[in-house]
Amino acid sequence: MSVTLKQLPRPDDGVHVDIRITADLNVSAYVAQRQVTAYLVDNVSDHLSGEAPELIVDGERFLWRVPVALYLTASGRVGEVGAIDVDARTGQLHTTSAMIAEIERRAHELAARSPS
C-alpha cells in the first residue's frame, strides 16, 4: 500500500519528516477495490476493473484512490484508463458523469490501439 500526503508544511532546514496519523478507516483497500470493480461492471463495462489502491490523506479526508484498468479477452490487461476515489471512512464512491465519460473515452482509445 502506498500513501500520498497532500498539503504538508515545508521543512525550512533540510529534510526530516516524522508523520504519525491516527484514523479509523471503516473501508479496507480490498473492499474499496471491490466496490469500484462492482460499480464499473454494473455501470460502465465488464472489461474494466479496479486495481490495488493507494491511500490519499488530504487534510481531514482519507480516500482510497483505485486505479481503473482495461482488460480485453485476447490481450489481458491493456492499461490504466483512470481512477476512482472511495471515501475510506464511509465507502462512498466519488464519481461524476464527466469522470466516467473520460474513463470510457480512454478505454475505447486504448482498445482501438490494442492488437487483437
Protein backbone atom coordinates (compact mmCIF):
# COMPACT_ATOMS: atom_id res chain seq x y z
CA MET A 1 0.00 0.00 0.00
CA SER A 2 1.29 3.43 -0.83
CA VAL A 3 0.24 6.64 0.90
CA THR A 4 0.10 10.11 -0.64
CA LEU A 5 0.04 13.11 1.67
CA LYS A 6 -1.09 16.47 0.33
CA GLN A 7 -0.73 19.96 1.81
CA LEU A 8 2.23 19.22 4.08
CA PRO A 9 4.25 22.09 5.55
CA ARG A 10 7.69 22.55 4.05
CA PRO A 11 10.61 22.00 6.42
CA ASP A 12 12.96 25.01 6.37
CA ASP A 13 16.18 23.34 7.48
CA GLY A 14 16.78 20.20 5.48
CA VAL A 15 14.60 17.17 5.14
CA HIS A 16 13.41 15.35 8.23
CA VAL A 17 9.87 14.07 8.19
CA ASP A 18 8.16 12.20 11.01
CA ILE A 19 4.48 11.69 10.25
CA ARG A 20 2.00 9.99 12.54
CA ILE A 21 -1.65 9.85 11.64
CA THR A 22 -4.31 8.04 13.59
CA ALA A 23 -7.68 7.50 11.96
CA ASP A 24 -10.43 4.94 12.00
CA LEU A 25 -10.87 3.73 8.44
CA ASN A 26 -14.02 1.68 8.04
CA VAL A 27 -13.23 0.60 4.48
CA SER A 28 -10.17 -1.52 3.68
CA ALA A 29 -8.17 -1.21 0.46
CA TYR A 30 -9.56 -4.59 -0.62
CA VAL A 31 -13.18 -3.51 -0.07
CA ALA A 32 -12.61 -0.21 -1.91
CA GLN A 33 -11.15 -2.09 -4.88
CA ARG A 34 -14.10 -4.50 -4.93
CA GLN A 35 -16.61 -1.62 -4.71
CA VAL A 36 -15.03 0.13 -7.69
CA THR A 37 -14.93 -3.07 -9.74
CA ALA A 38 -18.60 -3.80 -8.97
CA TYR A 39 -19.56 -0.22 -9.91
CA LEU A 40 -17.65 -0.44 -13.20
CA VAL A 41 -19.13 -3.81 -14.15
CA ASP A 42 -22.68 -2.68 -13.30
CA ASN A 43 -22.48 0.81 -14.84
CA VAL A 44 -19.72 1.02 -17.43
CA SER A 45 -18.19 -2.19 -18.80
CA ASP A 46 -17.22 -5.67 -17.66
CA HIS A 47 -13.84 -5.06 -19.32
CA LEU A 48 -12.90 -2.53 -16.63
CA SER A 49 -11.62 -3.44 -13.19
CA GLY A 50 -10.33 -1.72 -10.09
CA GLU A 51 -6.73 -2.39 -9.10
CA ALA A 52 -4.74 -2.06 -5.87
CA PRO A 53 -5.49 1.38 -4.40
CA GLU A 54 -3.29 3.93 -2.66
CA LEU A 55 -4.37 5.84 0.43
CA ILE A 56 -4.68 9.59 -0.11
CA VAL A 57 -4.61 11.78 3.01
CA ASP A 58 -5.87 15.22 2.11
CA GLY A 59 -6.48 17.35 5.18
CA GLU A 60 -9.38 15.75 7.02
CA ARG A 61 -10.23 13.36 4.19
CA PHE A 62 -8.96 9.81 3.77
CA LEU A 63 -9.54 8.40 0.30
CA TRP A 64 -8.65 5.17 -1.41
CA ARG A 65 -7.61 6.07 -4.97
CA VAL A 66 -8.42 2.99 -7.02
CA PRO A 67 -6.80 2.79 -10.46
CA VAL A 68 -9.10 1.57 -13.24
CA ALA A 69 -7.63 -0.81 -15.81
CA LEU A 70 -8.91 -2.09 -19.13
CA TYR A 71 -8.81 -5.85 -19.73
CA LEU A 72 -9.50 -7.46 -23.09
CA THR A 73 -10.17 -11.15 -23.62
CA ALA A 74 -7.47 -11.59 -26.25
CA SER A 75 -4.86 -9.31 -24.66
CA GLY A 76 -5.39 -9.46 -20.90
CA ARG A 77 -4.53 -6.24 -19.07
CA VAL A 78 -4.18 -3.47 -21.65
CA GLY A 79 -3.54 -0.48 -19.40
CA GLU A 80 -4.82 2.08 -16.92
CA VAL A 81 -7.66 4.35 -18.03
CA GLY A 82 -8.36 6.41 -14.91
CA ALA A 83 -9.01 6.22 -11.18
CA ILE A 84 -11.96 6.42 -8.82
CA ASP A 85 -11.73 7.66 -5.22
CA VAL A 86 -13.52 5.89 -2.39
CA ASP A 87 -14.04 7.55 1.00
CA ALA A 88 -12.09 5.34 3.42
CA ARG A 89 -14.47 6.16 6.27
CA THR A 90 -17.88 5.89 4.60
CA GLY A 91 -17.25 3.78 1.49
CA GLN A 92 -18.85 6.38 -0.76
CA LEU A 93 -17.54 6.39 -4.32
CA HIS A 94 -16.58 9.82 -5.66
CA THR A 95 -17.66 9.76 -9.29
CA THR A 96 -19.06 12.25 -11.76
CA SER A 97 -20.60 11.67 -15.16
CA ALA A 98 -17.67 13.58 -16.72
CA MET A 99 -15.16 11.32 -14.94
CA ILE A 100 -16.90 8.16 -16.12
CA ALA A 101 -17.14 9.54 -19.67
CA GLU A 102 -13.38 10.19 -19.63
CA ILE A 103 -12.68 6.65 -18.38
CA GLU A 104 -14.87 5.29 -21.19
CA ARG A 105 -13.14 7.51 -23.78
CA ARG A 106 -9.69 6.36 -22.66
CA ALA A 107 -10.80 2.72 -22.64
CA HIS A 108 -12.14 2.96 -26.21
CA GLU A 109 -8.94 4.69 -27.34
CA LEU A 110 -6.74 2.06 -25.69
CA ALA A 111 -8.84 -0.81 -27.05
CA ALA A 112 -8.60 0.58 -30.57
CA ARG A 113 -4.77 0.66 -30.35
CA SER A 114 -4.53 -2.80 -28.81
CA PRO A 115 -3.55 -5.69 -31.08
CA SER A 116 -6.40 -8.15 -31.42
